[in-house]
Amino acid sequence: MPEPSESSTDVLRGSGLRATPARKAVIDVLRETHNHMTVSEVISALAGGDSKFDQSTVYRVLSDLGGVGLVAESRLSPGDTVFEWISQSNHHHIQCTECGRTLPLDDELVQEFISKVHERHGFHVNATHLVLSGIEHDCPGA
């Protein structure tokens, strides 16, 4: 996985992608945000900079970045697809379906679960980005 200090150009070249202006701009937005973003939010953030890119370009860039494992795509609530810069190889979340709050999920716990699935079912799970939904015990929205 890329180091936080690597430039977007170096990250792209290291992943085998050309360092286009759109790709570099989207990487910079996602890295600075440290949060999940919808395509509309990415476009809005890009509009605040020097360059503007249309929606189809942003979708294509996010797809390219996801294809090489730099960006994770999730559906954290019905109808909302969000994207996030992945700074580590395994990246998991739990999300409350009542209030929408999203919290990190410990990779060690996920790996224990994956090991149990393998032991009981002989199935090799490939889970580098997992989102589990449910209702928080002390949900403020419930």
Protein backbone atom coordinates (compact mmCIF):
# COMPACT_ATOMS: atom_id res chain seq x y z
CA MET A 1 0.00 0.00 0.00
CA PRO A 2 1.14 3.54 -0.64
CA GLU A 3 2.94 5.52 2.02
CA PRO A 4 1.13 8.67 3.23
CA SER A 5 4.07 10.84 2.15
CA GLU A 6 4.08 9.57 -1.46
CA SER A 7 2.93 12.05 -4.06
CA SER A 8 -0.20 11.20 -6.03
CA THR A 9 2.02 10.86 -9.13
CA ASP A 10 4.23 8.28 -7.38
CA VAL A 11 1.17 6.39 -6.07
CA LEU A 12 -0.33 6.20 -9.55
CA ARG A 13 2.90 5.12 -11.21
CA GLY A 14 3.45 2.52 -8.49
CA SER A 15 0.01 1.08 -9.18
CA GLY A 16 0.56 0.94 -12.93
CA LEU A 17 -1.76 3.83 -13.81
CA ARG A 18 -0.82 6.95 -15.76
CA ALA A 19 -0.67 10.08 -13.63
CA THR A 20 -3.40 12.12 -15.33
CA PRO A 21 -4.56 15.45 -13.87
CA ALA A 22 -7.98 13.99 -13.03
CA ARG A 23 -6.53 10.97 -11.21
CA LYS A 24 -4.08 13.11 -9.23
CA ALA A 25 -6.83 15.57 -8.26
CA VAL A 26 -9.23 12.81 -7.10
CA ILE A 27 -6.48 11.13 -5.07
CA ASP A 28 -5.61 14.41 -3.40
CA VAL A 29 -9.26 15.08 -2.50
CA LEU A 30 -9.79 11.60 -1.04
CA ARG A 31 -6.51 11.66 0.89
CA GLU A 32 -7.25 15.07 2.41
CA THR A 33 -10.79 14.13 3.43
CA HIS A 34 -10.04 10.98 5.49
CA ASN A 35 -13.71 10.09 5.10
CA HIS A 36 -16.24 8.43 2.82
CA MET A 37 -17.37 10.64 -0.06
CA THR A 38 -20.11 10.35 -2.65
CA VAL A 39 -19.30 11.18 -6.26
CA SER A 40 -21.14 14.49 -5.83
CA GLU A 41 -18.98 15.35 -2.83
CA VAL A 42 -15.82 14.52 -4.77
CA ILE A 43 -16.98 16.72 -7.67
CA SER A 44 -17.80 19.58 -5.27
CA ALA A 45 -14.40 19.30 -3.62
CA LEU A 46 -12.71 19.29 -7.02
CA ALA A 47 -14.68 22.38 -8.05
CA GLY A 48 -13.12 24.25 -5.11
CA GLY A 49 -9.69 23.71 -6.66
CA ASP A 50 -8.14 24.89 -9.89
CA SER A 51 -9.63 22.17 -12.11
CA LYS A 52 -13.13 20.95 -12.81
CA PHE A 53 -13.96 17.48 -14.05
CA ASP A 54 -17.34 16.21 -15.22
CA GLN A 55 -19.23 13.43 -13.46
CA SER A 56 -18.32 10.73 -15.98
CA THR A 57 -14.62 11.52 -15.62
CA VAL A 58 -14.84 11.30 -11.82
CA TYR A 59 -16.72 7.97 -12.01
CA ARG A 60 -14.11 6.60 -14.42
CA VAL A 61 -11.24 7.76 -12.21
CA LEU A 62 -12.83 6.22 -9.10
CA SER A 63 -13.34 2.97 -10.99
CA ASP A 64 -9.71 2.98 -12.15
CA LEU A 65 -8.45 3.68 -8.62
CA GLY A 66 -10.71 0.98 -7.20
CA GLY A 67 -9.47 -1.50 -9.79
CA VAL A 68 -5.92 -1.20 -8.49
CA GLY A 69 -6.92 -1.23 -4.81
CA LEU A 70 -6.32 2.44 -3.99
CA VAL A 71 -9.98 3.33 -3.38
CA ALA A 72 -12.75 1.33 -1.71
CA GLU A 73 -16.34 1.58 -2.90
CA SER A 74 -19.12 0.91 -0.38
CA ARG A 75 -22.86 1.17 -0.13
CA LEU A 76 -23.25 2.41 3.42
CA SER A 77 -26.95 3.17 3.11
CA PRO A 78 -29.58 2.37 0.49
CA GLY A 79 -28.83 4.29 -2.69
CA ASP A 80 -25.65 5.98 -1.47
CA THR A 81 -22.40 4.72 -2.94
CA VAL A 82 -19.38 6.19 -1.25
CA PHE A 83 -15.68 6.08 -1.98
CA GLU A 84 -12.74 6.18 0.37
CA TRP A 85 -8.97 6.30 0.07
CA ILE A 86 -7.53 3.09 1.48
CA SER A 87 -4.39 3.70 3.49
CA GLN A 88 -3.93 0.10 4.56
CA SER A 89 -4.50 -3.27 2.93
CA ASN A 90 -7.37 -4.39 5.18
CA HIS A 91 -9.96 -1.77 5.98
CA HIS A 92 -13.30 -2.59 7.63
CA HIS A 93 -16.31 -0.74 9.06
CA ILE A 94 -19.48 -1.24 11.03
CA GLN A 95 -22.39 1.03 10.22
CA CYS A 96 -25.58 1.76 12.12
CA THR A 97 -28.61 1.58 9.84
CA GLU A 98 -30.60 3.86 12.16
CA CYS A 99 -28.31 6.89 12.48
CA GLY A 100 -25.80 6.18 9.70
CA ARG A 101 -22.76 6.40 11.97
CA THR A 102 -19.79 4.46 10.65
CA LEU A 103 -17.02 3.16 12.88
CA PRO A 104 -13.80 1.27 12.12
CA LEU A 105 -13.89 -2.49 12.64
CA ASP A 106 -10.77 -4.19 13.98
CA ASP A 107 -9.02 -6.22 11.28
CA GLU A 108 -7.88 -8.79 13.85
CA LEU A 109 -11.51 -9.57 14.65
CA VAL A 110 -12.36 -9.89 10.95
CA GLN A 111 -9.36 -12.19 10.40
CA GLU A 112 -10.53 -14.43 13.27
CA PHE A 113 -13.95 -14.66 11.61
CA ILE A 114 -12.36 -15.45 8.24
CA SER A 115 -10.28 -18.21 9.84
CA LYS A 116 -13.41 -19.74 11.39
CA VAL A 117 -15.20 -19.66 8.03
CA HIS A 118 -12.24 -21.43 6.46
CA GLU A 119 -12.08 -24.05 9.23
CA ARG A 120 -15.80 -24.86 9.13
CA HIS A 121 -16.55 -24.49 5.43
CA GLY A 122 -13.20 -24.83 3.64
CA PHE A 123 -13.89 -21.49 2.00
CA HIS A 124 -11.18 -18.90 1.37
CA VAL A 125 -12.65 -15.45 2.03
CA ASN A 126 -11.03 -12.45 0.36
CA ALA A 127 -12.08 -9.54 2.57
CA THR A 128 -9.88 -6.49 2.27
CA HIS A 129 -12.77 -4.06 2.73
CA LEU A 130 -15.76 -5.21 4.73
CA VAL A 131 -18.79 -3.19 5.84
CA LEU A 132 -21.18 -4.75 8.37
CA SER A 133 -24.48 -3.03 8.99
CA GLY A 134 -26.76 -3.25 11.99
CA ILE A 135 -28.13 -1.13 14.81
CA GLU A 136 -25.85 0.35 17.43
CA HIS A 137 -26.69 -0.65 21.01
CA ASP A 138 -26.82 2.97 22.18
CA CYS A 139 -27.87 4.52 18.87
CA PRO A 140 -28.79 8.20 19.27
CA GLY A 141 -31.22 7.88 16.35
CA ALA A 142 -33.19 4.92 17.71
